[in-house]
Protein backbone atom coordinates (compact mmCIF):
# COMPACT_ATOMS: atom_id res chain seq x y z
CA UNK A 1 -0.28 -0.14 -0.06
CA UNK A 2 1.85 3.55 -1.59
CA UNK A 3 1.53 6.68 1.37
CA UNK A 4 -0.22 9.22 0.16
CA UNK A 5 2.16 12.15 0.66
CA UNK A 6 -0.59 14.66 0.95
CA UNK A 7 -1.93 13.39 3.83
CA UNK A 8 -1.47 15.57 6.82
CA UNK A 9 0.29 13.82 9.75
CA UNK A 10 -2.32 13.77 12.60
CA UNK A 11 -0.04 15.24 15.25
CA UNK A 12 0.75 18.17 13.41
CA UNK A 13 -2.78 19.78 14.56
CA UNK A 14 -2.89 19.27 17.91
CA UNK A 15 0.53 20.62 18.35
CA UNK A 16 -0.82 23.86 16.32
CA UNK A 17 -3.73 23.79 18.88
CA UNK A 18 -1.52 23.64 22.26
CA UNK A 19 0.51 26.60 20.36
CA UNK A 20 -2.57 28.92 19.85
CA UNK A 21 -3.97 28.28 22.94
CA UNK A 22 -0.41 29.19 24.64
CA UNK A 23 -0.57 32.15 22.54
CA UNK A 24 -3.88 32.93 23.92
CA UNK A 25 -3.32 32.38 27.26
CA UNK A 26 -0.11 34.40 27.43
CA UNK A 27 -2.16 37.44 24.95
CA UNK A 28 -4.73 36.89 28.20
CA UNK A 29 -2.04 37.35 31.04
CA UNK A 30 -0.87 39.84 30.02
CA UNK A 31 -4.37 41.60 29.05
CA UNK A 32 -4.93 40.80 32.98
CA UNK A 33 -1.76 42.19 33.92
CA UNK A 34 -2.24 45.38 31.72
CA UNK A 35 -6.02 46.17 32.96
CA UNK A 36 -4.07 45.68 37.01
CA UNK A 37 -1.76 48.20 36.17
CA UNK A 38 -4.65 50.65 35.05
CA UNK A 39 -6.23 50.13 37.84
CA UNK A 40 -3.52 50.61 40.11
CA UNK A 41 -2.18 54.20 38.65
CA UNK A 42 -5.76 54.99 38.01
CA UNK A 43 -6.91 54.32 41.98
CA UNK A 44 -5.66 55.55 44.98
CA UNK A 45 -1.84 56.25 46.06
CA UNK A 46 1.14 54.71 44.25
CA UNK A 47 2.42 51.74 46.45
CA UNK A 48 6.06 52.69 45.91
CA UNK A 49 5.57 55.79 47.75
CA UNK A 50 3.35 54.24 50.33
CA UNK A 51 4.63 50.89 50.97
CA UNK A 52 8.84 51.68 49.78
CA UNK A 53 9.66 55.02 50.39
CA UNK A 54 7.47 55.49 54.04
CA UNK A 55 5.35 58.16 52.02
CA UNK A 56 7.85 60.45 51.87
CA UNK A 57 8.99 62.07 48.15
CA UNK A 58 12.09 63.94 47.35
CA UNK A 59 12.12 67.64 47.55
CA UNK A 60 14.99 69.61 45.88
CA UNK A 61 14.66 72.51 49.18
CA UNK A 62 13.94 69.97 52.02
CA UNK A 63 15.31 67.11 50.93
CA UNK A 64 11.97 64.41 51.55
CA UNK A 65 8.44 65.58 52.28
CA UNK A 66 5.33 63.24 53.19
CA UNK A 67 3.10 62.65 50.01
CA UNK A 68 0.13 64.76 50.04
CA UNK A 69 -3.51 62.72 50.73
CA UNK A 70 -1.71 59.72 51.92
CA UNK A 71 -3.56 56.58 53.86
CA UNK A 72 -1.47 53.80 55.48
CA UNK A 73 -3.65 51.30 57.30
CA UNK A 74 -3.17 50.72 60.66
CA UNK A 75 -1.39 47.55 62.34
CA UNK A 76 -4.20 47.49 65.27
CA UNK A 77 -1.95 47.35 68.57
CA UNK A 78 1.40 47.91 66.49
CA UNK A 79 1.63 50.65 63.53
CA UNK A 80 -1.19 53.53 64.16
CA UNK A 81 -3.02 54.40 60.94
CA UNK A 82 -0.84 57.37 58.88
CA UNK A 83 -3.47 59.85 57.02
CA UNK A 84 -1.71 63.20 55.56
CA UNK A 85 -3.62 66.13 54.28
CA UNK A 86 -3.57 67.85 51.00
CA UNK A 87 -0.20 69.49 52.62
CA UNK A 88 1.54 66.36 53.35
CA UNK A 89 1.05 66.99 57.81
CA UNK A 90 0.16 64.33 59.58
CA UNK A 91 -2.89 66.35 60.25
CA UNK A 92 -6.68 66.95 59.93
CA UNK A 93 -7.29 69.31 57.12
CA UNK A 94 -6.44 73.45 57.17
CA UNK A 95 -6.68 75.77 54.77
CA UNK A 96 -3.54 77.58 53.53
CA UNK A 97 -5.21 81.46 54.13
CA UNK A 98 -5.11 81.73 57.97
CA UNK A 99 -9.44 82.13 58.98
CA UNK A 100 -10.19 85.18 60.47
CA UNK A 101 -9.89 85.42 64.26
CA UNK A 102 -7.66 82.02 64.64
CA UNK A 103 -4.57 82.11 66.41
CA UNK A 104 -2.30 79.72 64.08
CA UNK A 105 0.71 77.70 65.66
CA UNK A 106 2.91 76.19 63.31
CA UNK A 107 4.80 73.44 65.24
CA UNK A 108 7.74 71.37 63.44
CA UNK A 109 10.06 68.82 64.41
CA UNK A 110 11.06 65.32 63.39
CA UNK A 111 9.46 62.05 64.22
CA UNK A 112 8.27 62.92 67.90
CA UNK A 113 5.57 65.62 66.40
CA UNK A 114 4.77 63.32 63.73
CA UNK A 115 3.89 61.02 66.17
CA UNK A 116 4.27 57.01 66.77
CA UNK A 117 0.75 56.84 68.19
CA UNK A 118 -2.52 57.21 66.75
CA UNK A 119 -3.27 60.92 65.95
CA UNK A 120 -5.89 61.11 68.30
CA UNK A 121 -3.08 60.96 71.10
CA UNK A 122 -0.77 63.08 69.63
CA UNK A 123 0.80 65.68 71.99
CA UNK A 124 -0.12 68.22 69.46
CA UNK A 125 -3.33 67.10 69.00
CA UNK A 126 -4.24 67.36 72.93
CA UNK A 127 -2.57 70.52 73.09
CA UNK A 128 -4.90 72.16 70.56
CA UNK A 129 -7.85 70.53 71.83
CA UNK A 130 -7.19 71.81 75.43
CA UNK A 131 -6.15 74.77 74.13
CA UNK A 132 -9.17 75.94 72.57
CA UNK A 133 -11.36 74.49 75.35
CA UNK A 134 -9.42 76.70 77.61
CA UNK A 135 -9.65 80.02 75.14
CA UNK A 136 -13.06 79.52 74.00
CA UNK A 137 -14.70 81.64 72.12
CA UNK A 138 -10.96 82.04 70.56
CA UNK A 139 -9.48 79.48 68.34
CA UNK A 140 -6.58 78.10 68.27
CA UNK A 141 -4.58 75.98 65.14
CA UNK A 142 -1.84 74.13 65.74
CA UNK A 143 -0.73 72.49 62.60
CA UNK A 144 1.56 69.46 62.70
CA UNK A 145 4.32 70.14 60.27
CA UNK A 146 6.66 67.11 61.65
CA UNK A 147 8.53 64.93 59.17
CA UNK A 148 10.32 61.47 60.55
CA UNK A 149 14.04 61.60 60.28
CA UNK A 150 14.12 65.32 59.84
CA UNK A 151 17.02 67.94 61.75
CA UNK A 152 16.42 71.46 62.43
CA UNK A 153 18.44 72.07 59.39
CA UNK A 154 15.76 70.46 57.20
CA UNK A 155 13.27 72.35 59.16
CA UNK A 156 14.50 75.47 58.25
CA UNK A 157 14.16 74.73 54.70
CA UNK A 158 10.69 73.52 55.56
CA UNK A 159 9.60 76.99 57.10
CA UNK A 160 10.84 79.00 54.42
CA UNK A 161 9.87 77.09 51.83
CA UNK A 162 6.14 75.87 53.39
CA UNK A 163 5.79 76.96 56.51
CA UNK A 164 5.51 80.77 56.31
CA UNK A 165 2.52 80.43 53.66
CA UNK A 166 0.57 79.31 56.41
CA UNK A 167 0.96 82.70 58.10
CA UNK A 168 1.69 81.53 61.79
CA UNK A 169 1.45 83.71 64.90
CA UNK A 170 3.82 81.07 66.68
CA UNK A 171 6.45 78.63 65.20
CA UNK A 172 7.61 76.45 67.72
CA UNK A 173 10.46 73.88 67.07
CA UNK A 174 10.17 70.48 68.96
CA UNK A 175 13.45 69.54 69.77
CA UNK A 176 14.42 65.99 70.19
CA UNK A 177 17.54 65.93 72.48
CA UNK A 178 18.33 62.10 71.17
CA UNK A 179 19.83 63.26 68.08
CA UNK A 180 18.53 67.00 66.77
CA UNK A 181 22.22 68.06 67.91
CA UNK A 182 23.51 66.29 64.53
CA UNK A 183 24.21 67.12 60.96
CA UNK A 184 23.17 70.88 60.96
CA UNK A 185 25.88 71.52 59.10
CA UNK A 186 24.94 69.64 56.44
CA UNK A 187 22.58 70.57 53.15
CA UNK A 188 19.03 69.56 54.00
CA UNK A 189 19.05 67.84 50.03
CA UNK A 190 22.34 66.11 50.84
CA UNK A 191 21.68 62.26 50.63
CA UNK A 192 23.10 60.80 53.49
CA UNK A 193 22.95 57.98 55.09
CA UNK A 194 20.35 58.61 57.02
CA UNK A 195 18.31 60.09 54.59
CA UNK A 196 15.45 57.69 54.57
CA UNK A 197 14.70 58.23 50.25
CA UNK A 198 17.99 56.66 49.51
CA UNK A 199 17.49 54.14 51.82
CA UNK A 200 14.48 53.18 50.81
CA UNK A 201 16.00 53.53 47.26
CA UNK A 202 19.17 50.94 47.71
CA UNK A 203 16.26 48.78 49.21
CA UNK A 204 14.44 48.86 46.06
CA UNK A 205 17.60 48.16 43.78
CA UNK A 206 18.19 45.05 45.44
CA UNK A 207 14.99 43.84 44.10
CA UNK A 208 14.93 41.60 41.45
CA UNK A 209 14.36 42.33 37.98
CA UNK A 210 14.30 46.31 39.15
CA UNK A 211 15.40 47.76 36.35
CA UNK A 212 13.35 46.17 34.01
CA UNK A 213 10.17 46.42 36.21
CA UNK A 214 10.73 49.74 38.42
CA UNK A 215 7.91 51.60 36.10
CA UNK A 216 5.47 49.19 37.22
CA UNK A 217 3.01 49.82 39.59
CA UNK A 218 2.32 46.60 40.01
CA UNK A 219 5.23 45.04 40.50
CA UNK A 220 5.50 47.55 43.32
CA UNK A 221 2.30 46.54 44.69
CA UNK A 222 3.77 42.78 45.19
CA UNK A 223 6.98 43.59 46.45
CA UNK A 224 5.31 45.84 48.93
CA UNK A 225 2.93 42.85 49.69
CA UNK A 226 6.09 40.91 50.44
CA UNK A 227 7.51 43.19 52.57
CA UNK A 228 4.51 44.10 54.34
CA UNK A 229 4.09 40.45 55.12
CA UNK A 230 8.03 40.09 56.01
CA UNK A 231 7.19 42.81 58.45
CA UNK A 232 3.95 41.50 60.27
CA UNK A 233 6.03 37.56 60.46
CA UNK A 234 8.57 39.58 62.44
CA UNK A 235 6.44 41.34 64.35
CA UNK A 236 4.25 38.14 65.67
CA UNK A 237 8.02 37.12 67.01
CA UNK A 238 8.40 40.30 69.17
CA UNK A 239 5.17 39.92 71.11
CA UNK A 240 4.43 37.81 73.35
CA UNK A 241 2.39 34.62 72.66
CA UNK A 242 0.36 35.25 76.08
CA UNK A 243 -0.53 38.64 74.88
CA UNK A 244 -4.70 39.05 74.48
CA UNK A 245 -6.28 38.45 71.15
CA UNK A 246 -8.05 42.04 71.80
CA UNK A 247 -7.31 45.40 73.53
CA UNK A 248 -9.99 47.77 74.16
CA UNK A 249 -8.74 50.50 72.06
CA UNK A 250 -7.16 48.95 68.87
CA UNK A 251 -5.33 52.75 68.47
CA UNK A 252 -3.73 52.06 71.54
CA UNK A 253 0.14 51.03 70.57
CA UNK A 254 0.57 47.44 72.85
CA UNK A 255 2.79 47.92 75.58
CA UNK A 256 4.07 44.51 75.01
CA UNK A 257 5.22 45.19 70.89
CA UNK A 258 8.74 46.31 70.63
CA UNK A 259 9.48 48.32 67.86
CA UNK A 260 13.31 47.47 67.65
CA UNK A 261 15.17 43.85 68.33
CA UNK A 262 17.25 44.23 71.61
CA UNK A 263 20.41 44.84 69.25
CA UNK A 264 18.85 47.68 67.07
CA UNK A 265 17.82 49.33 70.56
CA UNK A 266 21.07 49.10 71.88
CA UNK A 267 22.53 50.79 69.08
CA UNK A 268 20.07 53.42 69.37
CA UNK A 269 21.46 54.19 72.95
CA UNK A 270 25.11 54.07 71.88
CA UNK A 271 24.44 56.86 69.12
CA UNK A 272 23.33 59.12 72.32
CA UNK A 273 26.25 59.04 74.55
CA UNK A 274 27.63 61.65 73.63
CA UNK A 275 24.88 64.44 74.23
CA UNK A 276 24.85 63.83 77.77
CA UNK A 277 28.94 64.72 78.36
CA UNK A 278 29.81 67.49 80.61
CA UNK A 279 30.91 70.30 78.91
CA UNK A 280 34.92 70.05 79.75
CA UNK A 281 34.58 66.13 78.21
CA UNK A 282 33.73 67.62 74.69
CA UNK A 283 35.86 67.47 71.79
CA UNK A 284 35.74 69.16 68.34
CA UNK A 285 33.16 67.11 66.83
CA UNK A 286 30.43 68.14 69.75
CA UNK A 287 31.14 71.72 69.86
CA UNK A 288 30.92 71.79 66.03
CA UNK A 289 27.59 70.29 66.35
CA UNK A 290 26.22 72.70 69.05
CA UNK A 291 27.69 75.64 67.20
CA UNK A 292 26.23 74.26 64.04
CA UNK A 293 22.82 73.65 65.76
CA UNK A 294 22.79 77.10 67.03
CA UNK A 295 23.15 79.07 63.40
CA UNK A 296 20.07 77.04 62.46
CA UNK A 297 18.33 77.66 65.54
CA UNK A 298 19.25 81.79 65.18
CA UNK A 299 17.83 81.81 61.56
CA UNK A 300 14.88 80.50 62.53
CA UNK A 301 14.11 83.05 65.11
CA UNK A 302 15.49 85.80 62.69
CA UNK A 303 12.87 84.99 60.44
CA UNK A 304 10.25 84.87 63.34
CA UNK A 305 11.45 88.53 64.01
CA UNK A 306 11.32 89.27 60.12
CA UNK A 307 7.78 87.93 59.98
CA UNK A 308 6.46 89.56 62.96
CA UNK A 309 5.45 86.01 64.28
CA UNK A 310 6.99 84.34 67.84
CA UNK A 311 9.89 82.08 67.31
CA UNK A 312 9.80 79.12 70.86
CA UNK A 313 11.29 76.16 71.22
CA UNK A 314 10.37 72.89 73.47
CA UNK A 315 13.20 70.50 74.51
CA UNK A 316 12.14 66.91 74.27
CA UNK A 317 13.60 64.41 76.65
CA UNK A 318 15.25 61.21 75.85
CA UNK A 319 14.46 57.87 77.29
CA UNK A 320 17.88 57.21 78.71
CA UNK A 321 16.86 60.90 80.70
CA UNK A 322 13.87 59.51 81.93
CA UNK A 323 13.40 55.58 82.39
CA UNK A 324 15.56 54.76 85.13
CA UNK A 325 15.62 51.20 83.97
CA UNK A 326 16.54 52.61 80.42
CA UNK A 327 19.76 54.82 82.07
CA UNK A 328 21.13 51.47 83.77
CA UNK A 329 21.55 49.79 80.42
CA UNK A 330 22.97 52.66 78.75
CA UNK A 331 25.56 53.13 81.66
CA UNK A 332 26.58 49.42 81.07
CA UNK A 333 26.59 49.87 77.71
CA UNK A 334 28.55 53.21 78.10
CA UNK A 335 30.78 51.03 80.65
CA UNK A 336 34.85 51.34 79.01
CA UNK A 337 33.56 54.40 77.01
CA UNK A 338 32.51 57.14 78.56
CA UNK A 339 33.16 57.23 82.56
CA UNK A 340 29.63 58.10 84.69
CA UNK A 341 31.72 61.16 86.05
CA UNK A 342 31.77 62.40 82.42
CA UNK A 343 28.16 62.17 82.26
CA UNK A 344 25.64 64.51 83.09
CA UNK A 345 21.89 63.67 82.49
CA UNK A 346 20.80 67.30 82.53
CA UNK A 347 22.42 68.06 79.86
CA UNK A 348 22.38 69.01 76.36
CA UNK A 349 18.96 70.49 77.87
CA UNK A 350 21.48 73.19 80.54
CA UNK A 351 23.66 74.37 77.36
CA UNK A 352 21.07 74.45 74.45
CA UNK A 353 18.94 76.84 77.36
CA UNK A 354 21.79 78.81 78.24
CA UNK A 355 22.67 78.97 73.88
CA UNK A 356 18.54 80.23 73.45
CA UNK A 357 17.90 82.32 76.75
CA UNK A 358 21.13 84.27 75.06
CA UNK A 359 19.41 84.87 71.75
CA UNK A 360 16.18 85.93 73.42
CA UNK A 361 14.16 82.61 72.37
CA UNK A 362 11.15 81.42 74.46
CA UNK A 363 12.16 77.69 75.48
CA UNK A 364 10.41 75.06 77.75
CA UNK A 365 11.97 72.17 78.92
CA UNK A 366 9.84 69.20 79.73
CA UNK A 367 12.67 67.31 81.36
CA UNK A 368 12.30 67.86 85.18
CA UNK A 369 8.30 66.82 85.01
CA UNK A 370 9.24 63.94 82.73
CA UNK A 371 12.13 62.18 85.28
CA UNK A 372 9.54 62.49 88.43
CA UNK A 373 7.03 61.30 86.26
CA UNK A 374 8.95 59.06 84.85
CA UNK A 375 9.26 57.49 88.35
CA UNK A 376 5.95 56.07 88.38
CA UNK A 377 4.95 54.72 85.08
CA UNK A 378 6.26 54.25 81.44
CA UNK A 379 5.80 57.14 79.25
CA UNK A 380 7.77 56.05 75.82
CA UNK A 381 6.90 52.96 74.25
CA UNK A 382 9.16 49.51 74.11
CA UNK A 383 12.33 49.80 72.62
CA UNK A 384 11.02 52.72 70.55
CA UNK A 385 12.79 55.90 71.82
CA UNK A 386 9.49 57.91 71.22
CA UNK A 387 6.49 58.55 73.88
CA UNK A 388 3.54 56.19 74.61
CA UNK A 389 -0.02 57.40 74.61
CA UNK A 390 0.84 58.48 78.19
CA UNK A 391 4.40 59.95 77.33
CA UNK A 392 2.07 62.58 74.77
CA UNK A 393 -0.81 63.26 77.38
CA UNK A 394 2.13 64.46 80.01
CA UNK A 395 3.97 66.50 76.96
CA UNK A 396 0.64 68.19 76.24
CA UNK A 397 -0.32 69.18 79.88
CA UNK A 398 2.83 70.72 80.30
CA UNK A 399 2.51 72.87 76.98
CA UNK A 400 -0.80 74.50 77.47
CA UNK A 401 -0.09 76.76 80.09
CA UNK A 402 2.59 78.29 78.00
CA UNK A 403 0.84 78.44 74.79
CA UNK A 404 -1.84 79.64 76.48
CA UNK A 405 0.27 82.70 78.26
CA UNK A 406 2.10 83.18 74.71
CA UNK A 407 -1.31 83.71 73.07
CA UNK A 408 -2.71 85.90 75.92
CA UNK A 409 0.74 88.19 75.65
CA UNK A 410 0.99 88.31 71.70
CA UNK A 411 -3.31 89.35 71.46
CA UNK A 412 -2.83 91.97 74.89
CA UNK A 413 0.00 93.18 72.49
CA UNK A 414 -1.83 93.58 69.38
CA UNK A 415 -4.33 95.83 71.20
């Protein structure tokens, strides 16, 4: 029997069919990915901004600023919800133009002002509420312009570029003595190792296929989800199994949650060692830090005088100065590096107070009252260095009288 050369082998249609089905599947997958990409670009905030840059964006003058209208969901008991208004402040919405009859305070600072607790428990939120209750019908607005990782040099740039546009009557600099004395001799847009934008970019560039897919919102959403999953896994390991499954108020940070590992916390304490040196034991680096900081603060005060507004400073104490147990751990770490005789735990407040008073800058030092209260209750979050709800409540209470006095004095002077 001869073979019919025109007969098509049976396997060829099957191969063609598989190829066609495969191509259709690839096209369908690409179409679905394209729809997801378009959807992510159309709705909500950028995943790369919210997840990998910590809600920050680069700024040519300030180095970095928070994204406006950002929403980062809370992890109950661990991380509070983060919402920024249309000006990038972690605060309620305010108009740029000051309403008639309103006394407006612009609060500058770092993560202490920005807050590690829910915004309802933030000391600036509480202070605004209490001031309005005391001074009614006088209205007071306290605009929280705190930005994590800011130094006074950043805050000076922010005041010039953004803050003055809100026409504040009072600029209140929230100066955290734990790290605000450093790097004020640098330009705010210099991408030094502490800049969160640089750190986030370096982390992102180590991700798979970064150079190929860095433009894709879908890619950033997936990598952000992976990052969050790792974070949640780490969080679960830091919270004791005996903890209750729920809290009375999910907005509150659990007292048994430690933000840092023990090693990270020890490193954070070590970084503060030279802050508490007696003046005779300071070296050139220490003295240069004070001089650079004084120069920046003087520039802010001069802006206040030029703009006919009051500039004041509130000194926020570090946990080492307040918590006896943390201080003992600190002294153990300092053993062999700095002797107890070289340290004064009322520094750097003593020196800063002398500097600011010599420049006629009003100052409020919270340290004495925090030390007294710290003997009876915990005022800082566990292995975190920031205030808990109790610490924020105390700060608002201590600031209320000086702020009301300042408002009344200024209002009387204008009459």
